[in-house]
Amino acid sequence: MISSTPVQPRSLERSSSEKRAVDAAIDRALDSRSTSTRFCLSIDVEEYFHAEVFARSVSKESWETRQCRAAPFVERIAAMLAETGNRATFFVLGWCVPRMRSLLRDIAAAGHEIACHGQMHDHLSRMTPTTLTADLRRARGVIEDTLGCRTIGYRAPTFSITRKTAWALDVLLETGFEYDASIFPIRHDRYGVPDAPLGPFRAIAPSGRSIVEFPPMVRRIGPLRLPVGGGGYLRLLPGAIVARALRHCAAQEAPAMLYLHPWELDPDQPRLPLRRMAQWRHRVNLHTTERKLGDLLKRFRFDTAARVLAGVPVTKCFKL
């Protein structure tokens, strides 16, 4: 007689138990402060009105007249990092440096990395090699002269290094940058290189030279790529999904990059005119960002991009 005992559910229960044991072991390993980390937290230091969604409606001439709100949230992020013993990379917009020089000096003195986010937050599709070169030199000069620290990393506004703007890689090399964090390996209406590697790689520029690239965290699920590395995705997704993606990277001993903006901790920022969908994309779940970030900082260990990359062999090459 064929047994009617429900074997499959017991098997699934055992598998689930084993998975929990593996997750617990990974969590214990991540809690150890004696081991190096492969996770990086990055902060794009800019004001809410610098976001690309406002590029057409907010003129650069009006920036000086608008309330700057980023500094208290940058300070809050720095405090959360100190409370949890983590370090981060701050990709600083040159325009912001004179407006928060003391705070940024304190952040650099605390062991965080100061990197470059350009000067005026121009999407690279609106720039040329000449204008980008000028923008980078101006931003780097302001950052290094004011803060007294050398900058080796760059992130383009809105992750705007794509195949159409691959020329920017040569500009970065010519201006002395050692790594880039501007290529998002997904398909998106404003950015993305959907077939780029998911971990650190060497991005080959049109000249044939290459630069180290550290992309934001993306989780592969079958043929799909799910962006879980921060920003609007951190606000939109349950924190458990981001944590699960980090645990997956830990199990694979794979580096991971998270990112966010100070204005994403500011649900009370002024509501500027936008179409309904754009307004939703900019403001969705702003009230959840600080809580989710705090949970991640308590649960995982983060370091600067420069330190993470220094401990990871980057051998994979990819031509845009």
C-alpha atoms as a PDB file:
ATOM      1  CA  MET A   1       0.000   0.000   0.000  1.00  0.00           C
ATOM      2  CA  ILE A   2       1.266   3.476  -0.882  1.00  0.00           C
ATOM      3  CA  SER A   3       1.793   5.553   2.216  1.00  0.00           C
ATOM      4  CA  SER A   4      -0.340   8.694   2.541  1.00  0.00           C
ATOM      5  CA  THR A   5       2.217  10.354   4.853  1.00  0.00           C
ATOM      6  CA  PRO A   6       2.856  13.929   3.630  1.00  0.00           C
ATOM      7  CA  VAL A   7       6.611  13.581   3.134  1.00  0.00           C
ATOM      8  CA  GLN A   8       7.107  16.738   1.072  1.00  0.00           C
ATOM      9  CA  PRO A   9       6.018  19.220   3.738  1.00  0.00           C
ATOM     10  CA  ARG A  10       8.482  17.707   6.252  1.00  0.00           C
ATOM     11  CA  SER A  11      11.233  17.996   3.637  1.00  0.00           C
ATOM     12  CA  LEU A  12      10.385  21.623   3.036  1.00  0.00           C
ATOM     13  CA  GLU A  13      10.376  22.295   6.760  1.00  0.00           C
ATOM     14  CA  ARG A  14      13.821  20.758   7.101  1.00  0.00           C
ATOM     15  CA  SER A  15      15.106  22.844   4.174  1.00  0.00           C
ATOM     16  CA  SER A  16      13.695  26.002   5.736  1.00  0.00           C
ATOM     17  CA  SER A  17      15.365  25.159   9.036  1.00  0.00           C
ATOM     18  CA  GLU A  18      18.697  24.655   7.323  1.00  0.00           C
ATOM     19  CA  LYS A  19      18.277  27.993   5.523  1.00  0.00           C
ATOM     20  CA  ARG A  20      17.655  29.746   8.841  1.00  0.00           C
ATOM     21  CA  ALA A  21      20.785  28.136  10.276  1.00  0.00           C
ATOM     22  CA  VAL A  22      22.846  29.391   7.328  1.00  0.00           C
ATOM     23  CA  ASP A  23      21.383  32.896   7.695  1.00  0.00           C
ATOM     24  CA  ALA A  24      22.200  32.879  11.415  1.00  0.00           C
ATOM     25  CA  ALA A  25      25.785  31.854  10.694  1.00  0.00           C
ATOM     26  CA  ILE A  26      26.125  34.655   8.137  1.00  0.00           C
ATOM     27  CA  ASP A  27      24.667  37.168  10.597  1.00  0.00           C
ATOM     28  CA  ARG A  28      27.184  36.070  13.244  1.00  0.00           C
ATOM     29  CA  ALA A  29      29.998  36.519  10.758  1.00  0.00           C
ATOM     30  CA  LEU A  30      28.737  39.965   9.786  1.00  0.00           C
ATOM     31  CA  ASP A  31      28.540  40.980  13.434  1.00  0.00           C
ATOM     32  CA  SER A  32      32.240  40.278  13.914  1.00  0.00           C
ATOM     33  CA  ARG A  33      34.216  43.532  13.929  1.00  0.00           C
ATOM     34  CA  SER A  34      37.505  41.635  13.585  1.00  0.00           C
ATOM     35  CA  THR A  35      36.948  40.762   9.927  1.00  0.00           C
ATOM     36  CA  SER A  36      37.097  43.015   6.879  1.00  0.00           C
ATOM     37  CA  THR A  37      33.884  43.882   5.071  1.00  0.00           C
ATOM     38  CA  ARG A  38      32.919  43.901   1.434  1.00  0.00           C
ATOM     39  CA  PHE A  39      29.883  46.132   1.884  1.00  0.00           C
ATOM     40  CA  CYS A  40      30.015  49.833   1.070  1.00  0.00           C
ATOM     41  CA  LEU A  41      27.521  52.532   2.011  1.00  0.00           C
ATOM     42  CA  SER A  42      27.647  55.632  -0.165  1.00  0.00           C
ATOM     43  CA  ILE A  43      25.935  58.984   0.334  1.00  0.00           C
ATOM     44  CA  ASP A  44      25.365  61.401  -2.564  1.00  0.00           C
ATOM     45  CA  VAL A  45      25.630  64.759  -0.798  1.00  0.00           C
ATOM     46  CA  GLU A  46      23.265  67.122  -2.597  1.00  0.00           C
ATOM     47  CA  GLU A  47      20.129  69.177  -1.952  1.00  0.00           C
ATOM     48  CA  TYR A  48      16.621  67.942  -2.733  1.00  0.00           C
ATOM     49  CA  PHE A  49      16.286  70.472  -5.582  1.00  0.00           C
ATOM     50  CA  HIS A  50      19.404  69.035  -7.266  1.00  0.00           C
ATOM     51  CA  ALA A  51      17.555  65.805  -8.123  1.00  0.00           C
ATOM     52  CA  GLU A  52      17.338  65.130 -11.858  1.00  0.00           C
ATOM     53  CA  VAL A  53      13.542  65.154 -11.714  1.00  0.00           C
ATOM     54  CA  PHE A  54      13.725  68.946 -11.145  1.00  0.00           C
ATOM     55  CA  ALA A  55      16.313  69.672 -13.858  1.00  0.00           C
ATOM     56  CA  ARG A  56      13.775  71.332 -16.160  1.00  0.00           C
ATOM     57  CA  SER A  57      11.654  73.094 -13.558  1.00  0.00           C
ATOM     58  CA  VAL A  58      14.305  74.393 -11.128  1.00  0.00           C
ATOM     59  CA  SER A  59      16.903  76.663 -12.679  1.00  0.00           C
ATOM     60  CA  LYS A  60      20.464  76.730 -11.384  1.00  0.00           C
ATOM     61  CA  GLU A  61      20.075  80.490 -10.970  1.00  0.00           C
ATOM     62  CA  SER A  62      17.371  79.850  -8.364  1.00  0.00           C
ATOM     63  CA  TRP A  63      19.498  77.522  -6.226  1.00  0.00           C
ATOM     64  CA  GLU A  64      20.954  80.397  -4.214  1.00  0.00           C
ATOM     65  CA  THR A  65      17.478  81.540  -3.197  1.00  0.00           C
ATOM     66  CA  ARG A  66      16.241  78.139  -2.035  1.00  0.00           C
ATOM     67  CA  GLN A  67      16.441  76.765   1.477  1.00  0.00           C
ATOM     68  CA  CYS A  68      19.347  74.340   1.898  1.00  0.00           C
ATOM     69  CA  ARG A  69      18.129  71.395   3.954  1.00  0.00           C
ATOM     70  CA  ALA A  70      20.748  68.670   3.432  1.00  0.00           C
ATOM     71  CA  ALA A  71      23.229  69.456   6.232  1.00  0.00           C
ATOM     72  CA  PRO A  72      21.147  68.228   9.217  1.00  0.00           C
ATOM     73  CA  PHE A  73      20.460  64.947   7.429  1.00  0.00           C
ATOM     74  CA  VAL A  74      24.112  64.498   6.458  1.00  0.00           C
ATOM     75  CA  GLU A  75      24.918  65.091  10.123  1.00  0.00           C
ATOM     76  CA  ARG A  76      22.273  62.561  11.161  1.00  0.00           C
ATOM     77  CA  ILE A  77      23.714  59.933   8.818  1.00  0.00           C
ATOM     78  CA  ALA A  78      27.210  60.595  10.188  1.00  0.00           C
ATOM     79  CA  ALA A  79      25.882  60.159  13.731  1.00  0.00           C
ATOM     80  CA  MET A  80      24.213  56.861  12.818  1.00  0.00           C
ATOM     81  CA  LEU A  81      27.485  55.645  11.319  1.00  0.00           C
ATOM     82  CA  ALA A  82      29.358  56.608  14.497  1.00  0.00           C
ATOM     83  CA  GLU A  83      26.787  54.918  16.729  1.00  0.00           C
ATOM     84  CA  THR A  84      27.129  51.628  14.837  1.00  0.00           C
ATOM     85  CA  GLY A  85      30.866  51.706  14.130  1.00  0.00           C
ATOM     86  CA  ASN A  86      30.476  51.900  10.352  1.00  0.00           C
ATOM     87  CA  ARG A  87      32.200  54.003   7.695  1.00  0.00           C
ATOM     88  CA  ALA A  88      30.924  55.309   4.371  1.00  0.00           C
ATOM     89  CA  THR A  89      31.870  57.112   1.189  1.00  0.00           C
ATOM     90  CA  PHE A  90      30.361  60.575   0.750  1.00  0.00           C
ATOM     91  CA  PHE A  91      30.130  61.568  -2.929  1.00  0.00           C
ATOM     92  CA  VAL A  92      30.006  65.320  -2.445  1.00  0.00           C
ATOM     93  CA  LEU A  93      28.620  67.833  -4.916  1.00  0.00           C
ATOM     94  CA  GLY A  94      31.102  70.704  -5.195  1.00  0.00           C
ATOM     95  CA  TRP A  95      28.294  73.273  -4.939  1.00  0.00           C
ATOM     96  CA  CYS A  96      27.510  71.994  -1.431  1.00  0.00           C
ATOM     97  CA  VAL A  97      31.034  72.151  -0.017  1.00  0.00           C
ATOM     98  CA  PRO A  98      31.130  75.848   1.026  1.00  0.00           C
ATOM     99  CA  ARG A  99      27.704  75.437   2.616  1.00  0.00           C
ATOM    100  CA  MET A 100      28.722  72.577   4.933  1.00  0.00           C
ATOM    101  CA  ARG A 101      32.516  72.766   5.082  1.00  0.00           C
ATOM    102  CA  SER A 102      32.783  72.279   8.865  1.00  0.00           C
ATOM    103  CA  LEU A 103      30.506  69.235   8.812  1.00  0.00           C
ATOM    104  CA  LEU A 104      32.338  67.665   5.876  1.00  0.00           C
ATOM    105  CA  ARG A 105      35.707  68.245   7.567  1.00  0.00           C
ATOM    106  CA  ASP A 106      34.403  66.413  10.632  1.00  0.00           C
ATOM    107  CA  ILE A 107      33.179  63.558   8.444  1.00  0.00           C
ATOM    108  CA  ALA A 108      36.576  63.233   6.771  1.00  0.00           C
ATOM    109  CA  ALA A 109      38.329  63.376  10.162  1.00  0.00           C
ATOM    110  CA  ALA A 110      36.109  60.518  11.394  1.00  0.00           C
ATOM    111  CA  GLY A 111      37.625  58.199   8.773  1.00  0.00           C
ATOM    112  CA  HIS A 112      34.963  58.387   6.079  1.00  0.00           C
ATOM    113  CA  GLU A 113      35.899  58.790   2.435  1.00  0.00           C
ATOM    114  CA  ILE A 114      35.177  62.030   0.597  1.00  0.00           C
ATOM    115  CA  ALA A 115      34.644  61.443  -3.126  1.00  0.00           C
ATOM    116  CA  CYS A 116      33.420  63.589  -6.010  1.00  0.00           C
ATOM    117  CA  HIS A 117      29.852  63.984  -7.324  1.00  0.00           C
ATOM    118  CA  GLY A 118      30.725  66.767  -9.771  1.00  0.00           C
ATOM    119  CA  GLN A 119      30.133  70.478  -9.314  1.00  0.00           C
ATOM    120  CA  MET A 120      26.675  71.343 -10.653  1.00  0.00           C
ATOM    121  CA  HIS A 121      24.808  68.012 -10.880  1.00  0.00           C
ATOM    122  CA  ASP A 122      24.517  67.941 -14.666  1.00  0.00           C
ATOM    123  CA  HIS A 123      23.348  64.721 -16.263  1.00  0.00           C
ATOM    124  CA  LEU A 124      26.183  63.575 -18.541  1.00  0.00           C
ATOM    125  CA  SER A 125      23.844  63.377 -21.543  1.00  0.00           C
ATOM    126  CA  ARG A 126      23.794  67.198 -21.444  1.00  0.00           C
ATOM    127  CA  MET A 127      27.583  67.508 -21.237  1.00  0.00           C
ATOM    128  CA  THR A 128      30.598  67.118 -23.502  1.00  0.00           C
ATOM    129  CA  PRO A 129      34.143  65.934 -22.709  1.00  0.00           C
ATOM    130  CA  THR A 130      35.188  69.586 -22.437  1.00  0.00           C
ATOM    131  CA  THR A 131      32.416  70.631 -20.049  1.00  0.00           C
ATOM    132  CA  LEU A 132      32.798  67.499 -17.932  1.00  0.00           C
ATOM    133  CA  THR A 133      36.537  68.077 -17.633  1.00  0.00           C
ATOM    134  CA  ALA A 134      35.906  71.634 -16.429  1.00  0.00           C
ATOM    135  CA  ASP A 135      33.190  70.464 -14.018  1.00  0.00           C
ATOM    136  CA  LEU A 136      35.425  67.780 -12.500  1.00  0.00           C
ATOM    137  CA  ARG A 137      38.417  70.059 -12.087  1.00  0.00           C
ATOM    138  CA  ARG A 138      36.287  72.705 -10.435  1.00  0.00           C
ATOM    139  CA  ALA A 139      34.580  70.246  -8.080  1.00  0.00           C
ATOM    140  CA  ARG A 140      37.773  68.441  -7.178  1.00  0.00           C
ATOM    141  CA  GLY A 141      39.544  71.717  -6.533  1.00  0.00           C
ATOM    142  CA  VAL A 142      36.792  72.944  -4.229  1.00  0.00           C
ATOM    143  CA  ILE A 143      36.644  69.641  -2.329  1.00  0.00           C
ATOM    144  CA  GLU A 144      40.378  69.153  -1.913  1.00  0.00           C
ATOM    145  CA  ASP A 145      41.241  72.793  -1.179  1.00  0.00           C
ATOM    146  CA  THR A 146      38.413  73.231   1.326  1.00  0.00           C
ATOM    147  CA  LEU A 147      38.506  69.859   3.067  1.00  0.00           C
ATOM    148  CA  GLY A 148      42.177  69.022   2.699  1.00  0.00           C
ATOM    149  CA  CYS A 149      41.607  65.479   1.447  1.00  0.00           C
ATOM    150  CA  ARG A 150      42.482  63.723  -1.794  1.00  0.00           C
ATOM    151  CA  THR A 151      39.563  62.453  -3.886  1.00  0.00           C
ATOM    152  CA  ILE A 152      40.014  59.296  -5.984  1.00  0.00           C
ATOM    153  CA  GLY A 153      36.396  58.252  -6.610  1.00  0.00           C
ATOM    154  CA  TYR A 154      33.587  59.701  -8.705  1.00  0.00           C
ATOM    155  CA  ARG A 155      29.873  59.170  -9.137  1.00  0.00           C
ATOM    156  CA  ALA A 156      28.080  60.865 -12.015  1.00  0.00           C
ATOM    157  CA  PRO A 157      24.796  62.592 -11.188  1.00  0.00           C
ATOM    158  CA  THR A 158      21.901  60.168 -11.737  1.00  0.00           C
ATOM    159  CA  PHE A 159      24.288  57.275 -12.534  1.00  0.00           C
ATOM    160  CA  SER A 160      24.508  58.812 -16.002  1.00  0.00           C
ATOM    161  CA  ILE A 161      27.482  56.919 -17.420  1.00  0.00           C
ATOM    162  CA  THR A 162      25.837  54.762 -20.078  1.00  0.00           C
ATOM    163  CA  ARG A 163      26.888  53.472 -23.470  1.00  0.00           C
ATOM    164  CA  LYS A 164      26.010  56.870 -24.958  1.00  0.00           C
ATOM    165  CA  THR A 165      28.216  58.666 -22.443  1.00  0.00           C
ATOM    166  CA  ALA A 166      31.050  56.105 -22.252  1.00  0.00           C
ATOM    167  CA  TRP A 167      33.399  58.909 -23.332  1.00  0.00           C
ATOM    168  CA  ALA A 168      33.191  60.093 -19.719  1.00  0.00           C
ATOM    169  CA  LEU A 169      35.373  57.158 -18.633  1.00  0.00           C
ATOM    170  CA  ASP A 170      38.277  58.605 -20.609  1.00  0.00           C
ATOM    171  CA  VAL A 171      37.690  62.001 -18.988  1.00  0.00           C
ATOM    172  CA  LEU A 172      37.836  60.394 -15.539  1.00  0.00           C
ATOM    173  CA  LEU A 173      41.115  58.698 -16.394  1.00  0.00           C
ATOM    174  CA  GLU A 174      42.574  61.905 -17.823  1.00  0.00           C
ATOM    175  CA  THR A 175      41.639  63.854 -14.695  1.00  0.00           C
ATOM    176  CA  GLY A 176      43.220  61.291 -12.382  1.00  0.00           C
ATOM    177  CA  PHE A 177      40.308  59.404 -10.817  1.00  0.00           C
ATOM    178  CA  GLU A 178      41.044  55.846  -9.706  1.00  0.00           C
ATOM    179  CA  TYR A 179      37.537  54.400  -9.540  1.00  0.00           C
ATOM    180  CA  ASP A 180      34.014  55.196 -10.690  1.00  0.00           C
ATOM    181  CA  ALA A 181      30.605  54.334  -9.208  1.00  0.00           C
ATOM    182  CA  SER A 182      28.303  55.591 -11.970  1.00  0.00           C
ATOM    183  CA  ILE A 183      27.221  52.511 -13.924  1.00  0.00           C
ATOM    184  CA  PHE A 184      23.940  50.963 -12.785  1.00  0.00           C
ATOM    185  CA  PRO A 185      23.608  47.443 -14.268  1.00  0.00           C
ATOM    186  CA  ILE A 186      19.876  47.663 -14.979  1.00  0.00           C
ATOM    187  CA  ARG A 187      17.478  49.075 -17.572  1.00  0.00           C
ATOM    188  CA  HIS A 188      15.996  52.441 -16.572  1.00  0.00           C
ATOM    189  CA  ASP A 189      14.549  55.494 -18.308  1.00  0.00           C
ATOM    190  CA  ARG A 190      17.291  57.838 -17.016  1.00  0.00           C
ATOM    191  CA  TYR A 191      20.338  55.589 -16.699  1.00  0.00           C
ATOM    192  CA  GLY A 192      21.648  52.043 -16.799  1.00  0.00           C
ATOM    193  CA  VAL A 193      23.763  49.522 -18.702  1.00  0.00           C
ATOM    194  CA  PRO A 194      21.547  46.431 -18.445  1.00  0.00           C
ATOM    195  CA  ASP A 195      24.220  43.860 -19.308  1.00  0.00           C
ATOM    196  CA  ALA A 196      27.044  45.283 -17.177  1.00  0.00           C
ATOM    197  CA  PRO A 197      28.552  43.043 -14.466  1.00  0.00           C
ATOM    198  CA  LEU A 198      26.842  43.069 -11.081  1.00  0.00           C
ATOM    199  CA  GLY A 199      30.043  43.326  -9.023  1.00  0.00           C
ATOM    200  CA  PRO A 200      33.206  45.440  -9.288  1.00  0.00           C
ATOM    201  CA  PHE A 201      34.788  45.293 -12.739  1.00  0.00           C
ATOM    202  CA  ARG A 202      37.126  47.210 -15.023  1.00  0.00           C
ATOM    203  CA  ALA A 203      35.101  49.442 -17.356  1.00  0.00           C
ATOM    204  CA  ILE A 204      36.854  49.738 -20.705  1.00  0.00           C
ATOM    205  CA  ALA A 205      36.691  53.254 -22.116  1.00  0.00           C
ATOM    206  CA  PRO A 206      36.490  54.087 -25.847  1.00  0.00           C
ATOM    207  CA  SER A 207      40.274  54.658 -25.825  1.00  0.00           C
ATOM    208  CA  GLY A 208      40.850  51.080 -24.658  1.00  0.00           C
ATOM    209  CA  ARG A 209      42.007  52.153 -21.210  1.00  0.00           C
ATOM    210  CA  SER A 210      40.071  51.007 -18.166  1.00  0.00           C
ATOM    211  CA  ILE A 211      38.959  52.217 -14.754  1.00  0.00           C
ATOM    212  CA  VAL A 212      37.675  50.260 -11.760  1.00  0.00           C
ATOM    213  CA  GLU A 213      33.877  50.388 -11.550  1.00  0.00           C
ATOM    214  CA  PHE A 214      31.829  49.713  -8.369  1.00  0.00           C
ATOM    215  CA  PRO A 215      28.110  49.431  -9.291  1.00  0.00           C
ATOM    216  CA  PRO A 216      25.152  49.596  -6.891  1.00  0.00           C
ATOM    217  CA  MET A 217      23.787  46.296  -5.608  1.00  0.00           C
ATOM    218  CA  VAL A 218      21.498  44.460  -8.025  1.00  0.00           C
ATOM    219  CA  ARG A 219      20.021  41.004  -7.335  1.00  0.00           C
ATOM    220  CA  ARG A 220      19.638  38.558 -10.194  1.00  0.00           C
ATOM    221  CA  ILE A 221      16.413  36.533 -10.041  1.00  0.00           C
ATOM    222  CA  GLY A 222      16.313  34.197 -13.034  1.00  0.00           C
ATOM    223  CA  PRO A 223      16.527  36.380 -16.157  1.00  0.00           C
ATOM    224  CA  LEU A 224      15.557  39.501 -14.195  1.00  0.00           C
ATOM    225  CA  ARG A 225      17.745  42.084 -12.468  1.00  0.00           C
ATOM    226  CA  LEU A 226      16.209  43.596  -9.354  1.00  0.00           C
ATOM    227  CA  PRO A 227      17.777  46.888  -8.184  1.00  0.00           C
ATOM    228  CA  VAL A 228      17.987  46.722  -4.399  1.00  0.00           C
ATOM    229  CA  GLY A 229      21.003  48.960  -3.810  1.00  0.00           C
ATOM    230  CA  GLY A 230      19.347  51.978  -2.257  1.00  0.00           C
ATOM    231  CA  GLY A 231      17.776  55.282  -3.217  1.00  0.00           C
ATOM    232  CA  GLY A 232      14.190  54.945  -4.357  1.00  0.00           C
ATOM    233  CA  TYR A 233      14.535  51.169  -4.291  1.00  0.00           C
ATOM    234  CA  LEU A 234      15.406  51.226  -0.596  1.00  0.00           C
ATOM    235  CA  ARG A 235      12.364  53.428   0.022  1.00  0.00           C
ATOM    236  CA  LEU A 236      10.043  51.344  -2.124  1.00  0.00           C
ATOM    237  CA  LEU A 237      11.063  47.824  -1.093  1.00  0.00           C
ATOM    238  CA  PRO A 238      10.609  46.225   2.329  1.00  0.00           C
ATOM    239  CA  GLY A 239      13.814  46.427   4.328  1.00  0.00           C
ATOM    240  CA  ALA A 240      13.827  42.631   4.608  1.00  0.00           C
ATOM    241  CA  ILE A 241      14.415  42.317   0.846  1.00  0.00           C
ATOM    242  CA  VAL A 242      17.481  44.576   0.988  1.00  0.00           C
ATOM    243  CA  ALA A 243      18.792  42.682   4.028  1.00  0.00           C
ATOM    244  CA  ARG A 244      18.227  39.380   2.259  1.00  0.00           C
ATOM    245  CA  ALA A 245      20.180  40.621  -0.762  1.00  0.00           C
ATOM    246  CA  LEU A 246      23.075  41.613   1.503  1.00  0.00           C
ATOM    247  CA  ARG A 247      23.030  38.202   3.168  1.00  0.00           C
ATOM    248  CA  HIS A 248      23.149  36.612  -0.278  1.00  0.00           C
ATOM    249  CA  CYS A 249      26.212  38.722  -1.148  1.00  0.00           C
ATOM    250  CA  ALA A 250      27.808  37.752   2.163  1.00  0.00           C
ATOM    251  CA  ALA A 251      27.271  34.074   1.432  1.00  0.00           C
ATOM    252  CA  GLN A 252      28.967  34.541  -1.946  1.00  0.00           C
ATOM    253  CA  GLU A 253      31.705  36.746  -0.415  1.00  0.00           C
ATOM    254  CA  ALA A 254      30.681  39.317  -3.025  1.00  0.00           C
ATOM    255  CA  PRO A 255      31.103  43.097  -2.614  1.00  0.00           C
ATOM    256  CA  ALA A 256      27.950  45.215  -2.459  1.00  0.00           C
ATOM    257  CA  MET A 257      27.317  48.945  -2.762  1.00  0.00           C
ATOM    258  CA  LEU A 258      24.344  50.754  -1.213  1.00  0.00           C
ATOM    259  CA  TYR A 259      23.552  54.409  -1.845  1.00  0.00           C
ATOM    260  CA  LEU A 260      21.162  57.121  -0.722  1.00  0.00           C
ATOM    261  CA  HIS A 261      20.731  60.904  -0.621  1.00  0.00           C
ATOM    262  CA  PRO A 262      20.293  63.140   2.436  1.00  0.00           C
ATOM    263  CA  TRP A 263      16.969  64.419   1.081  1.00  0.00           C
ATOM    264  CA  GLU A 264      15.627  60.861   1.279  1.00  0.00           C
ATOM    265  CA  LEU A 265      15.551  61.253   5.069  1.00  0.00           C
ATOM    266  CA  ASP A 266      13.531  64.486   4.758  1.00  0.00           C
ATOM    267  CA  PRO A 267       9.786  63.834   4.353  1.00  0.00           C
ATOM    268  CA  ASP A 268       9.045  67.511   5.106  1.00  0.00           C
ATOM    269  CA  GLN A 269      11.015  68.909   2.157  1.00  0.00           C
ATOM    270  CA  PRO A 270       9.093  71.430   0.025  1.00  0.00           C
ATOM    271  CA  ARG A 271       6.783  69.919  -2.554  1.00  0.00           C
ATOM    272  CA  LEU A 272       7.891  71.336  -5.905  1.00  0.00           C
ATOM    273  CA  PRO A 273       5.614  71.182  -8.969  1.00  0.00           C
ATOM    274  CA  LEU A 274       5.833  67.808 -10.750  1.00  0.00           C
ATOM    275  CA  ARG A 275       3.588  65.455 -12.640  1.00  0.00           C
ATOM    276  CA  ARG A 276       1.854  62.902 -10.447  1.00  0.00           C
ATOM    277  CA  MET A 277       4.087  59.922 -11.245  1.00  0.00           C
ATOM    278  CA  ALA A 278       7.288  61.954 -10.946  1.00  0.00           C
ATOM    279  CA  GLN A 279       6.094  63.339  -7.611  1.00  0.00           C
ATOM    280  CA  TRP A 280       5.383  59.829  -6.380  1.00  0.00           C
ATOM    281  CA  ARG A 281       8.783  58.521  -7.485  1.00  0.00           C
ATOM    282  CA  HIS A 282      10.566  61.354  -5.707  1.00  0.00           C
ATOM    283  CA  ARG A 283       8.613  61.221  -2.442  1.00  0.00           C
ATOM    284  CA  VAL A 284       7.507  57.616  -1.975  1.00  0.00           C
ATOM    285  CA  ASN A 285       8.216  56.363   1.562  1.00  0.00           C
ATOM    286  CA  LEU A 286      10.584  59.201   2.517  1.00  0.00           C
ATOM    287  CA  HIS A 287       9.427  58.668   6.097  1.00  0.00           C
ATOM    288  CA  THR A 288      10.833  55.102   6.110  1.00  0.00           C
ATOM    289  CA  THR A 289      14.415  55.801   4.963  1.00  0.00           C
ATOM    290  CA  GLU A 290      15.989  56.593   8.324  1.00  0.00           C
ATOM    291  CA  ARG A 291      14.468  53.536   9.987  1.00  0.00           C
ATOM    292  CA  LYS A 292      15.556  51.207   7.184  1.00  0.00           C
ATOM    293  CA  LEU A 293      19.051  52.679   7.129  1.00  0.00           C
ATOM    294  CA  GLY A 294      19.327  52.335  10.902  1.00  0.00           C
ATOM    295  CA  ASP A 295      18.306  48.672  10.756  1.00  0.00           C
ATOM    296  CA  LEU A 296      20.910  47.939   8.073  1.00  0.00           C
ATOM    297  CA  LEU A 297      23.682  49.768   9.946  1.00  0.00           C
ATOM    298  CA  LYS A 298      22.952  47.756  13.096  1.00  0.00           C
ATOM    299  CA  ARG A 299      22.789  44.454  11.246  1.00  0.00           C
ATOM    300  CA  PHE A 300      25.652  44.729   8.742  1.00  0.00           C
ATOM    301  CA  ARG A 301      29.122  46.191   8.616  1.00  0.00           C
ATOM    302  CA  PHE A 302      29.933  48.865   6.019  1.00  0.00           C
ATOM    303  CA  ASP A 303      33.151  50.529   4.925  1.00  0.00           C
ATOM    304  CA  THR A 304      34.272  53.052   2.318  1.00  0.00           C
ATOM    305  CA  ALA A 305      34.383  52.240  -1.380  1.00  0.00           C
ATOM    306  CA  ALA A 306      38.148  52.759  -1.469  1.00  0.00           C
ATOM    307  CA  ARG A 307      38.750  50.317   1.385  1.00  0.00           C
ATOM    308  CA  VAL A 308      36.384  47.695  -0.004  1.00  0.00           C
ATOM    309  CA  LEU A 309      37.974  47.879  -3.448  1.00  0.00           C
ATOM    310  CA  ALA A 310      41.465  47.661  -1.940  1.00  0.00           C
ATOM    311  CA  GLY A 311      40.572  44.228  -0.555  1.00  0.00           C
ATOM    312  CA  VAL A 312      38.886  42.835  -3.677  1.00  0.00           C
ATOM    313  CA  PRO A 313      40.651  41.542  -6.817  1.00  0.00           C
ATOM    314  CA  VAL A 314      39.012  43.286  -9.786  1.00  0.00           C
ATOM    315  CA  THR A 315      39.808  41.218 -12.863  1.00  0.00           C
ATOM    316  CA  LYS A 316      36.582  41.159 -14.885  1.00  0.00           C
ATOM    317  CA  CYS A 317      36.576  43.600 -17.839  1.00  0.00           C
ATOM    318  CA  PHE A 318      33.559  45.043 -19.629  1.00  0.00           C
ATOM    319  CA  LYS A 319      33.482  47.358 -22.642  1.00  0.00           C
ATOM    320  CA  LEU A 320      30.677  49.863 -22.836  1.00  0.00           C
END
